[in-house]
Amino acid sequence: RLCYTKTLELLGQEFDVTDNGTIPTAIIKSIENDVASYIESSLGENVGKNPDNPNDTGVKVFIDPSQDLITADGFDLDLGIRPFGYTDYINVKLHYSTQTV
């Protein structure tokens, strides 16, 4: 729910798209970082971080920048969370539909 809520909030904002319907890479990276930070701060100590790597937050978010948001039926987001005490991430692929039901 955290990922869903924050992603929809960020995608609800206005931003430029390229001629082929993709979001510019800089905006994609900003969305990825904002979603990951939101999840990390919301889960707090429940996220497992690698103490040997100061850049390891225990949360990974990836949006393929080649996805066409204008003509496609949606887009995919890859989410990885490493719970505290685990050595591996739990990975989930989320699909956000742009079609109305």
Protein backbone atom coordinates (compact mmCIF):
# COMPACT_ATOMS: atom_id res chain seq x y z
CA ARG A 1 0.00 0.00 0.00
CA LEU A 2 2.83 2.39 0.76
CA CYS A 3 4.31 2.00 -2.71
CA TYR A 4 0.92 2.29 -4.39
CA THR A 5 -0.08 5.42 -2.46
CA LYS A 6 3.19 7.29 -3.01
CA THR A 7 3.51 6.29 -6.67
CA LEU A 8 -0.01 7.50 -7.49
CA GLU A 9 0.66 10.74 -5.64
CA LEU A 10 3.82 11.36 -7.67
CA LEU A 11 2.30 10.32 -11.00
CA GLY A 12 -0.67 12.60 -10.35
CA GLN A 13 1.62 15.58 -10.76
CA GLU A 14 2.24 17.21 -14.10
CA PHE A 15 5.50 16.36 -15.85
CA ASP A 16 6.85 16.34 -19.36
CA VAL A 17 6.98 13.22 -21.51
CA THR A 18 9.19 12.56 -24.49
CA ASP A 19 7.92 12.35 -28.08
CA ASN A 20 7.70 8.56 -27.77
CA GLY A 21 5.53 8.74 -24.62
CA THR A 22 8.18 7.95 -22.03
CA ILE A 23 8.98 9.85 -18.86
CA PRO A 24 12.45 11.46 -18.93
CA THR A 25 15.05 9.45 -17.02
CA ALA A 26 15.70 12.20 -14.47
CA ILE A 27 12.01 12.24 -13.49
CA ILE A 28 11.92 8.42 -13.32
CA LYS A 29 14.91 8.40 -10.96
CA SER A 30 13.29 11.08 -8.81
CA ILE A 31 10.07 9.02 -8.56
CA GLU A 32 12.06 5.87 -7.70
CA ASN A 33 13.99 7.68 -4.97
CA ASP A 34 10.90 9.37 -3.52
CA VAL A 35 8.95 6.09 -3.37
CA ALA A 36 11.89 4.21 -1.82
CA SER A 37 12.47 6.94 0.79
CA TYR A 38 8.78 7.04 1.67
CA ILE A 39 8.66 3.27 2.18
CA GLU A 40 11.89 3.22 4.17
CA SER A 41 10.78 6.01 6.49
CA SER A 42 7.33 4.45 6.95
CA LEU A 43 8.69 1.00 7.81
CA GLY A 44 11.54 2.30 9.96
CA GLU A 45 13.49 -0.42 11.75
CA ASN A 46 11.48 -3.17 10.05
CA VAL A 47 13.66 -2.74 6.95
CA GLY A 48 16.95 -4.65 6.86
CA LYS A 49 19.96 -2.53 5.91
CA ASN A 50 23.46 -3.73 5.15
CA PRO A 51 25.69 -2.05 7.76
CA ASP A 52 28.70 -2.44 5.45
CA ASN A 53 27.01 -0.37 2.73
CA PRO A 54 25.86 3.12 3.77
CA ASN A 55 23.86 3.43 0.51
CA ASP A 56 21.80 0.30 1.25
CA THR A 57 18.36 1.36 2.48
CA GLY A 58 16.73 -2.07 2.30
CA VAL A 59 14.28 -0.77 -0.32
CA LYS A 60 14.76 -0.85 -4.10
CA VAL A 61 12.38 0.67 -6.65
CA PHE A 62 12.84 0.41 -10.41
CA ILE A 63 10.70 1.82 -13.22
CA ASP A 64 11.83 0.92 -16.73
CA PRO A 65 12.30 4.29 -18.45
CA SER A 66 11.47 2.81 -21.87
CA GLN A 67 7.80 2.26 -20.95
CA ASP A 68 5.37 4.27 -23.07
CA LEU A 69 2.87 5.84 -20.68
CA ILE A 70 0.80 7.54 -23.35
CA THR A 71 -0.33 4.65 -25.57
CA ALA A 72 0.27 1.65 -23.29
CA ASP A 73 -2.39 0.26 -20.97
CA GLY A 74 -0.24 1.01 -17.92
CA PHE A 75 3.24 0.65 -16.57
CA ASP A 76 5.24 -1.68 -14.35
CA LEU A 77 7.23 -0.94 -11.23
CA ASP A 78 9.64 -3.37 -9.57
CA LEU A 79 9.76 -3.16 -5.78
CA GLY A 80 12.25 -4.93 -3.55
CA ILE A 81 12.13 -4.81 0.24
CA ARG A 82 14.51 -6.61 2.59
CA PRO A 83 12.78 -7.15 5.93
CA PHE A 84 14.89 -6.82 9.07
CA GLY A 85 16.77 -10.04 9.75
CA TYR A 86 16.66 -11.24 6.13
CA THR A 87 19.57 -11.41 3.73
CA ASP A 88 17.49 -11.34 0.54
CA TYR A 89 14.96 -8.93 -0.86
CA ILE A 90 11.33 -9.80 -1.35
CA ASN A 91 10.69 -8.69 -4.94
CA VAL A 92 7.30 -7.74 -6.33
CA LYS A 93 6.30 -6.48 -9.78
CA LEU A 94 3.45 -4.00 -9.60
CA HIS A 95 1.34 -3.01 -12.60
CA TYR A 96 -0.44 0.32 -12.67
CA SER A 97 -3.25 0.41 -15.22
CA THR A 98 -4.03 3.59 -17.10
CA GLN A 99 -7.32 2.18 -18.40
CA THR A 100 -10.60 2.91 -16.67
CA VAL A 101 -12.94 0.10 -15.81
